[in-house]
Amino acid sequence: MDIKQALYDEIRRLARKEIKASLTSLFETVSALKKQVAEQKRQIAALEKRCAAVGPAASESPIAVADDDEKQLRLNAAGILRLRTKLGLTQGEFAKVLGVAMHTVSVWEQGRRVPRRTHKARICALRGIGKRELKKMLEPKEPAPATAGK
């Protein structure tokens, strides 16, 4: 056997071993970062979905509704009352959030009338909103401080 070839093979084997050892930690880091990116993508998708339900609508109501959600709307008088009490809102506050009159909410809760499709969609969008977010929506907008000029 040739000594030159034996040394070449041994150096090559040791070099591969060292490279593999140094790259193992790099591969683990890359794998962890890929998992983190995937989790962040899921969080972004969930937040975008919530923003679509919470963001301002083109109408007077601050509740926006995705078009695909309108197909699966199921509501009854008891459900509306239950949602309103769960959120801790009065009929007036609930009406303000939905952009309807307080009397309309009362009629819905009594079961004498059924909400229109747009109102049903807004009510269903409220299911995913927390109490804190609703309270922020109900807070009156403070006017900009006026500066007194002399």
Protein backbone atom coordinates (compact mmCIF):
# COMPACT_ATOMS: atom_id res chain seq x y z
CA MET A 1 0.00 0.00 0.00
CA ASP A 2 1.16 3.46 -0.83
CA ILE A 3 1.86 5.70 2.20
CA LYS A 4 0.82 8.77 0.26
CA GLN A 5 -2.59 7.25 -0.47
CA ALA A 6 -3.03 6.04 3.14
CA LEU A 7 -2.30 9.52 4.53
CA TYR A 8 -4.63 11.11 1.96
CA ASP A 9 -7.49 8.73 2.92
CA GLU A 10 -6.96 9.28 6.67
CA ILE A 11 -6.87 13.09 6.31
CA ARG A 12 -10.02 12.95 4.19
CA ARG A 13 -11.80 10.74 6.75
CA LEU A 14 -10.85 13.04 9.66
CA ALA A 15 -11.86 16.15 7.70
CA ARG A 16 -15.32 14.67 7.00
CA LYS A 17 -15.69 13.77 10.67
CA GLU A 18 -14.77 17.32 11.79
CA ILE A 19 -17.08 18.94 9.22
CA LYS A 20 -19.96 16.70 10.26
CA ALA A 21 -19.39 17.51 13.95
CA SER A 22 -19.32 21.26 13.31
CA LEU A 23 -22.37 21.18 11.00
CA THR A 24 -24.53 19.13 13.37
CA SER A 25 -25.12 22.11 15.67
CA LEU A 26 -25.80 24.28 12.61
CA PHE A 27 -28.42 21.81 11.34
CA GLU A 28 -30.07 21.74 14.76
CA THR A 29 -30.20 25.54 14.82
CA VAL A 30 -31.69 25.66 11.32
CA SER A 31 -34.29 23.06 12.29
CA ALA A 32 -35.27 25.02 15.40
CA LEU A 33 -35.54 28.23 13.34
CA LYS A 34 -37.75 26.50 10.76
CA LYS A 35 -40.07 25.36 13.53
CA GLN A 36 -40.15 28.89 14.94
CA VAL A 37 -40.99 30.35 11.52
CA ALA A 38 -43.80 27.81 11.06
CA GLU A 39 -45.24 28.71 14.48
CA GLN A 40 -45.03 32.41 13.68
CA LYS A 41 -46.81 31.82 10.37
CA ARG A 42 -49.64 30.07 12.26
CA GLN A 43 -49.82 32.97 14.73
CA ILE A 44 -49.90 35.52 11.90
CA ALA A 45 -52.71 33.62 10.16
CA ALA A 46 -54.70 33.52 13.40
CA LEU A 47 -54.12 37.23 14.02
CA GLU A 48 -55.10 38.13 10.46
CA LYS A 49 -58.30 36.14 10.90
CA ARG A 50 -59.05 38.00 14.16
CA CYS A 51 -58.24 41.35 12.54
CA ALA A 52 -60.62 40.57 9.71
CA ALA A 53 -63.34 39.93 12.28
CA VAL A 54 -62.46 42.92 14.46
CA GLY A 55 -61.29 45.53 11.93
CA PRO A 56 -63.51 48.42 10.84
CA ALA A 57 -66.16 47.55 8.28
CA ALA A 58 -67.23 49.62 5.34
CA SER A 59 -70.55 50.26 7.09
CA GLU A 60 -71.15 52.25 10.27
CA SER A 61 -70.40 49.26 12.48
CA PRO A 62 -66.83 48.66 13.67
CA ILE A 63 -67.25 44.90 13.20
CA ALA A 64 -66.10 43.44 9.89
CA VAL A 65 -67.14 40.04 8.65
CA ALA A 66 -65.46 37.67 6.24
CA ASP A 67 -67.66 36.68 3.29
CA ASP A 68 -67.12 32.94 3.77
CA ASP A 69 -68.41 33.17 7.38
CA GLU A 70 -71.83 34.37 6.20
CA LYS A 71 -72.71 30.92 4.90
CA GLN A 72 -72.50 29.30 8.34
CA LEU A 73 -74.53 31.73 10.45
CA ARG A 74 -76.88 30.14 12.98
CA LEU A 75 -78.51 32.38 15.51
CA ASN A 76 -81.60 32.47 17.68
CA ALA A 77 -83.03 34.81 20.30
CA ALA A 78 -81.55 32.92 23.25
CA GLY A 79 -78.13 32.84 21.55
CA ILE A 80 -78.12 36.59 21.09
CA LEU A 81 -79.06 37.16 24.73
CA ARG A 82 -76.48 34.64 25.90
CA LEU A 83 -73.73 36.29 23.83
CA ARG A 84 -74.63 39.75 25.08
CA THR A 85 -74.63 38.69 28.73
CA LYS A 86 -71.44 36.69 28.28
CA LEU A 87 -69.75 39.82 26.94
CA GLY A 88 -71.16 41.85 29.84
CA LEU A 89 -72.87 44.40 27.60
CA THR A 90 -76.12 46.24 28.01
CA GLN A 91 -78.58 46.25 25.14
CA GLY A 92 -77.51 49.81 24.34
CA GLU A 93 -73.82 48.92 24.24
CA PHE A 94 -74.53 45.82 22.18
CA ALA A 95 -76.58 47.91 19.75
CA LYS A 96 -73.81 50.52 19.51
CA VAL A 97 -71.22 47.87 18.65
CA LEU A 98 -73.50 46.38 15.98
CA GLY A 99 -74.61 49.74 14.60
CA VAL A 100 -78.33 49.21 15.28
CA ALA A 101 -80.93 50.74 17.60
CA MET A 102 -81.32 49.48 21.16
CA HIS A 103 -84.94 48.57 20.43
CA THR A 104 -83.76 46.32 17.61
CA VAL A 105 -81.61 44.29 20.02
CA SER A 106 -84.58 43.98 22.37
CA VAL A 107 -86.81 42.71 19.54
CA TRP A 108 -84.15 40.16 18.52
CA GLU A 109 -83.77 38.87 22.07
CA GLN A 110 -87.54 38.47 22.43
CA GLY A 111 -87.62 36.44 19.23
CA ARG A 112 -90.12 38.73 17.51
CA ARG A 113 -87.71 39.45 14.65
CA VAL A 114 -84.64 37.82 13.15
CA PRO A 115 -81.51 39.86 12.40
CA ARG A 116 -80.65 40.56 8.79
CA ARG A 117 -77.79 38.64 7.26
CA THR A 118 -75.33 41.51 7.72
CA HIS A 119 -76.30 41.87 11.38
CA LYS A 120 -76.09 38.11 11.89
CA ALA A 121 -72.59 38.20 10.47
CA ARG A 122 -71.60 41.01 12.84
CA ILE A 123 -73.08 39.16 15.81
CA CYS A 124 -71.17 36.02 14.87
CA ALA A 125 -67.98 38.09 14.53
CA LEU A 126 -68.49 39.24 18.13
CA ARG A 127 -68.16 35.63 19.30
CA GLY A 128 -64.41 35.79 18.80
CA ILE A 129 -63.89 39.16 20.50
CA GLY A 130 -62.93 39.49 24.14
CA LYS A 131 -64.42 41.81 26.74
CA ARG A 132 -61.37 44.08 26.79
CA GLU A 133 -61.47 44.62 23.04
CA LEU A 134 -65.18 45.44 23.23
CA LYS A 135 -64.63 47.94 26.04
CA LYS A 136 -61.96 49.65 23.93
CA MET A 137 -64.40 49.82 21.02
CA LEU A 138 -67.05 51.36 23.26
CA GLU A 139 -64.78 54.01 24.80
CA PRO A 140 -65.61 57.45 23.45
CA LYS A 141 -63.00 58.88 21.16
CA GLU A 142 -61.24 61.76 22.87
CA PRO A 143 -60.98 64.91 20.76
CA ALA A 144 -57.51 66.19 19.98
CA PRO A 145 -56.37 68.77 22.55
CA ALA A 146 -56.91 72.28 21.24
CA THR A 147 -53.99 74.64 21.48
CA ALA A 148 -54.84 78.14 22.55
CA GLY A 149 -53.21 80.69 20.28
CA LYS A 150 -52.70 84.31 21.34
